[in-house]
Amino acid sequence: MTHRIAAPSLPAAVLFDMDGTLVDTERLWWAAAKQVADRIGRPLTDVDMPHVLGRPAAHTAAHLHRTGGPAAPDFGALAAELDAGFAARVAREVVPRPGVLRLLDELALAGVPAAIVSASPRHVVDLVRKALGEDRFTLTLAVEDTARTKPAPDPYLAAAAALGVEPHACVVVEDTPTGVAAAEAAGCTVLAVPSTVPIQPAANRTVLHSLERADLALLASLLTSAESD
C-alpha cells in the first residue's frame, strides 16, 4: 500500500515588514537619523542601533531628545525632522530587496494575501506600495494604525484581524529583532532575513540570508513545522 504524504497547508496570509525587508530602506532611515544626530551634536554609534533600526520616528526622536543634552531640540521638532528626512530619501530611492518581487508574485498567483506591516508613517508606506506595485498587497498597515507599534504585537494582530485570519496561521517576514519580537508576541511563525543586526534561529523562527532562497513551499513548510511543535 502506498501512503501519500499530505502537502503543507498554505499560509492564511504573509505579513511583511517593510523597511529592510521588502525594500532597502533601513540604511536610508539610519542616514536620516544620523543627519539629525550629527546636527544636534551627538553622533550615532552602534549602541544607538536598538533605538533606530526597526523603530518609528517617535521612538528615535525620544531617544535623541533624551540623550542629546540640553541643546537638543524638543521631541516634536526632532520627530518631524526625522520623518521628513526619511520620506525624502525614500521618494528618491526605493530599491526592492533581492527576491521580493518574485515572492510577492508567487503569493498572488496562489491567492495568498500579502500585507505590509510597518512602523513607518502612512505616507512612506504608500510611497513604497506604489513603487512595488499596489496590486501586490491586500493590506497595508502603518504606524498610525495602532495605539502601540513594534515590538508590541499590536500591528501584526491588527493586520491578521483586518484580513480575517488567525495570527498563528500567518507567516511574518522580518529583518530586525524589534520586528521579530512583535511577530512572535502576536503568535505568528517568523521568517527572519536580517538586514543589519544579526538574528538567531529559535522555535517557530527560521533565518535566511536572503529572500532569494524563499518561496511559497518554504513558507508553507515553516507553518506546518510550527503547528506540529
Protein backbone atom coordinates (compact mmCIF):
# COMPACT_ATOMS: atom_id res chain seq x y z
CA MET A 1 0.00 0.00 0.00
CA THR A 2 1.29 3.45 -0.87
CA HIS A 3 0.87 6.13 1.75
CA ARG A 4 0.50 9.67 0.48
CA ILE A 5 2.06 12.48 2.48
CA ALA A 6 -0.24 15.50 2.69
CA ALA A 7 1.12 18.70 1.21
CA PRO A 8 1.77 21.51 3.71
CA SER A 9 -1.13 23.93 4.13
CA LEU A 10 -0.63 27.36 2.64
CA PRO A 11 -0.31 30.32 5.00
CA ALA A 12 -3.57 32.22 5.54
CA ALA A 13 -1.53 35.36 4.83
CA VAL A 14 2.08 36.51 4.64
CA LEU A 15 2.75 39.69 6.60
CA PHE A 16 5.84 41.62 5.53
CA ASP A 17 7.76 44.22 7.44
CA MET A 18 8.70 46.99 5.04
CA ASP A 19 11.96 48.79 5.84
CA GLY A 20 14.91 46.47 5.33
CA THR A 21 12.65 43.52 4.46
CA LEU A 22 10.73 44.46 1.31
CA VAL A 23 12.87 47.44 0.37
CA ASP A 24 16.39 48.54 1.16
CA THR A 25 15.36 51.45 3.38
CA GLU A 26 16.88 50.66 6.79
CA ARG A 27 20.09 52.31 5.55
CA LEU A 28 18.01 55.34 4.46
CA TRP A 29 16.40 55.53 7.90
CA TRP A 30 19.81 55.26 9.57
CA ALA A 31 21.13 58.01 7.27
CA ALA A 32 18.19 60.27 8.16
CA ALA A 33 18.72 59.64 11.88
CA LYS A 34 22.48 60.17 11.54
CA GLN A 35 21.96 63.52 9.83
CA VAL A 36 19.71 64.72 12.64
CA ALA A 37 22.01 63.33 15.35
CA ASP A 38 25.05 64.98 13.79
CA ARG A 39 23.21 68.29 13.61
CA ILE A 40 22.42 68.29 17.32
CA GLY A 41 25.98 67.28 18.21
CA ARG A 42 25.55 63.68 19.36
CA PRO A 43 26.72 61.35 16.55
CA LEU A 44 25.18 57.89 16.36
CA THR A 45 27.15 54.78 17.31
CA ASP A 46 26.39 51.06 17.29
CA VAL A 47 24.93 51.49 20.78
CA ASP A 48 22.10 53.51 19.23
CA MET A 49 21.04 50.77 16.79
CA PRO A 50 18.28 49.29 19.00
CA HIS A 51 16.73 52.76 19.22
CA VAL A 52 16.87 53.43 15.47
CA LEU A 53 16.59 50.27 13.38
CA GLY A 54 13.04 48.97 13.16
CA ARG A 55 11.78 51.86 15.28
CA PRO A 56 9.26 54.59 14.41
CA ALA A 57 10.29 58.24 14.26
CA ALA A 58 8.66 58.95 17.62
CA HIS A 59 10.84 56.40 19.41
CA THR A 60 14.08 57.56 17.78
CA ALA A 61 13.18 61.20 18.38
CA ALA A 62 12.57 60.48 22.06
CA HIS A 63 15.92 58.69 22.27
CA LEU A 64 17.79 61.59 20.65
CA HIS A 65 15.98 64.12 22.84
CA ARG A 66 16.80 62.11 25.97
CA THR A 67 20.49 61.62 25.11
CA GLY A 68 21.20 64.82 23.20
CA GLY A 69 21.76 67.05 26.18
CA PRO A 70 20.27 70.47 26.93
CA ALA A 71 20.91 71.73 23.38
CA ALA A 72 18.68 69.05 21.79
CA PRO A 73 15.52 70.39 20.12
CA ASP A 74 12.16 69.42 21.54
CA PHE A 75 10.72 65.99 20.81
CA GLY A 76 8.16 67.17 18.25
CA ALA A 77 10.71 69.03 16.15
CA LEU A 78 13.05 66.03 16.14
CA ALA A 79 10.29 63.64 15.10
CA ALA A 80 9.18 65.93 12.27
CA GLU A 81 12.75 66.33 11.02
CA LEU A 82 13.39 62.58 11.09
CA ASP A 83 10.12 61.89 9.27
CA ALA A 84 10.76 64.48 6.57
CA GLY A 85 14.35 63.39 6.01
CA PHE A 86 13.40 59.73 5.69
CA ALA A 87 10.45 60.39 3.38
CA ALA A 88 12.64 62.48 1.07
CA ARG A 89 15.19 59.69 0.81
CA VAL A 90 12.53 57.05 0.14
CA ALA A 91 10.94 59.20 -2.57
CA ARG A 92 14.31 59.39 -4.34
CA GLU A 93 15.36 55.76 -3.93
CA VAL A 94 13.13 52.73 -3.41
CA VAL A 95 15.08 49.53 -4.11
CA PRO A 96 13.34 46.14 -3.64
CA ARG A 97 15.34 43.60 -1.68
CA PRO A 98 16.55 40.61 -3.73
CA GLY A 99 13.83 38.01 -4.29
CA VAL A 100 10.98 40.23 -3.06
CA LEU A 101 9.07 40.80 -6.30
CA ARG A 102 9.29 37.15 -7.33
CA LEU A 103 7.97 36.00 -3.94
CA LEU A 104 5.12 38.54 -3.98
CA ASP A 105 4.09 37.41 -7.44
CA GLU A 106 4.16 33.75 -6.35
CA LEU A 107 1.89 34.57 -3.42
CA ALA A 108 -0.52 36.44 -5.69
CA LEU A 109 -0.64 33.56 -8.15
CA ALA A 110 -1.51 31.15 -5.32
CA GLY A 111 -4.14 33.51 -3.88
CA VAL A 112 -2.27 34.03 -0.59
CA PRO A 113 -2.82 37.58 0.73
CA ALA A 114 0.30 39.69 1.27
CA ALA A 115 0.36 42.66 3.62
CA ILE A 116 2.80 45.39 4.59
CA VAL A 117 3.00 45.83 8.37
CA SER A 118 5.30 48.74 9.08
CA ALA A 119 6.46 51.09 11.82
CA SER A 120 6.88 53.80 9.17
CA PRO A 121 4.32 56.58 8.66
CA ARG A 122 1.43 56.17 6.22
CA HIS A 123 2.82 58.49 3.54
CA VAL A 124 6.06 56.48 3.40
CA VAL A 125 4.22 53.14 3.31
CA ASP A 126 2.09 54.43 0.42
CA LEU A 127 5.21 55.51 -1.48
CA VAL A 128 6.71 52.04 -1.15
CA ARG A 129 3.47 50.24 -2.04
CA LYS A 130 3.16 52.28 -5.20
CA ALA A 131 6.80 51.62 -6.13
CA LEU A 132 6.46 47.85 -5.63
CA GLY A 133 3.03 47.60 -7.26
CA GLU A 134 -0.15 48.42 -5.37
CA ASP A 135 -1.94 45.29 -6.59
CA ARG A 136 0.68 43.07 -4.95
CA PHE A 137 -0.70 43.87 -1.48
CA THR A 138 -4.12 43.13 0.00
CA LEU A 139 -3.49 45.36 3.02
CA THR A 140 -1.03 47.91 4.35
CA LEU A 141 -0.70 48.91 7.98
CA ALA A 142 1.35 51.94 9.07
CA VAL A 143 2.49 53.28 12.44
CA GLU A 144 -0.63 55.46 12.77
CA ASP A 145 -2.94 52.46 12.55
CA THR A 146 -2.35 51.00 16.04
CA ALA A 147 -2.02 52.52 19.50
CA ARG A 148 1.26 50.67 20.04
CA THR A 149 3.82 49.71 17.43
CA LYS A 150 6.61 47.14 17.28
CA PRO A 151 7.93 45.46 19.45
CA ALA A 152 4.35 45.27 20.77
CA PRO A 153 2.26 42.65 18.93
CA ASP A 154 -0.48 45.15 18.04
CA PRO A 155 0.45 45.73 14.37
CA TYR A 156 0.50 42.03 13.50
CA LEU A 157 -2.64 41.31 15.50
CA ALA A 158 -4.40 44.19 13.73
CA ALA A 159 -3.25 43.03 10.29
CA ALA A 160 -4.48 39.47 10.90
CA ALA A 161 -7.83 40.76 12.18
CA ALA A 162 -8.26 43.05 9.17
CA LEU A 163 -7.59 40.12 6.85
CA GLY A 164 -9.97 37.89 8.79
CA VAL A 165 -7.33 35.27 9.63
CA GLU A 166 -5.76 33.90 12.81
CA PRO A 167 -2.24 35.15 13.67
CA HIS A 168 -0.98 31.58 14.16
CA ALA A 169 -1.96 30.82 10.54
CA CYS A 170 0.25 33.64 9.22
CA VAL A 171 3.93 33.81 8.36
CA VAL A 172 5.68 37.08 9.16
CA VAL A 173 8.81 38.16 7.28
CA GLU A 174 11.03 40.49 9.32
CA ASP A 175 14.57 41.86 9.34
CA THR A 176 15.10 43.27 12.86
CA PRO A 177 14.93 41.90 16.41
CA THR A 178 12.30 44.54 17.18
CA GLY A 179 10.02 43.26 14.42
CA VAL A 180 10.67 39.62 15.25
CA ALA A 181 9.66 40.29 18.86
CA ALA A 182 6.39 41.85 17.69
CA ALA A 183 5.57 38.94 15.37
CA GLU A 184 6.36 36.29 17.95
CA ALA A 185 4.35 38.09 20.63
CA ALA A 186 1.41 38.02 18.19
CA GLY A 187 1.77 34.24 17.83
CA CYS A 188 2.96 34.23 14.22
CA THR A 189 5.55 31.98 12.61
CA VAL A 190 8.58 34.06 11.63
CA LEU A 191 10.96 34.06 8.69
CA ALA A 192 13.80 36.41 9.60
CA VAL A 193 16.00 37.90 6.90
CA PRO A 194 18.42 40.14 8.84
CA SER A 195 19.43 43.36 7.12
CA THR A 196 21.76 44.94 9.70
CA VAL A 197 21.56 43.31 13.13
CA PRO A 198 22.12 39.52 13.42
CA ILE A 199 19.13 37.35 14.37
CA GLN A 200 19.44 33.80 15.67
CA PRO A 201 17.11 30.89 14.81
CA ALA A 202 14.65 29.86 17.51
CA ALA A 203 11.41 27.97 17.97
CA ASN A 204 9.00 28.92 15.14
CA ARG A 205 11.69 31.22 13.74
CA THR A 206 13.75 30.45 10.65
CA VAL A 207 16.61 32.66 9.47
CA LEU A 208 17.67 33.15 5.85
CA HIS A 209 20.32 35.45 4.43
CA SER A 210 18.12 36.49 1.52
CA LEU A 211 14.56 36.17 0.24
CA GLU A 212 16.10 34.84 -2.97
CA ARG A 213 16.03 31.49 -1.13
CA ALA A 214 12.38 31.80 -0.06
CA ASP A 215 9.32 30.56 -1.92
CA LEU A 216 5.74 29.60 -1.09
CA ALA A 217 6.68 25.98 -0.45
CA LEU A 218 9.20 27.07 2.20
CA LEU A 219 6.69 29.38 3.89
CA ALA A 220 4.11 26.60 3.98
CA SER A 221 6.64 24.19 5.48
CA LEU A 222 7.51 26.67 8.22
CA LEU A 223 3.86 26.92 9.19
CA THR A 224 3.44 23.15 9.17
CA SER A 225 6.52 22.72 11.39
CA ALA A 226 5.15 25.30 13.84
CA GLU A 227 1.78 23.53 14.01
CA SER A 228 3.44 20.19 14.78
CA ASP A 229 5.52 21.55 17.66
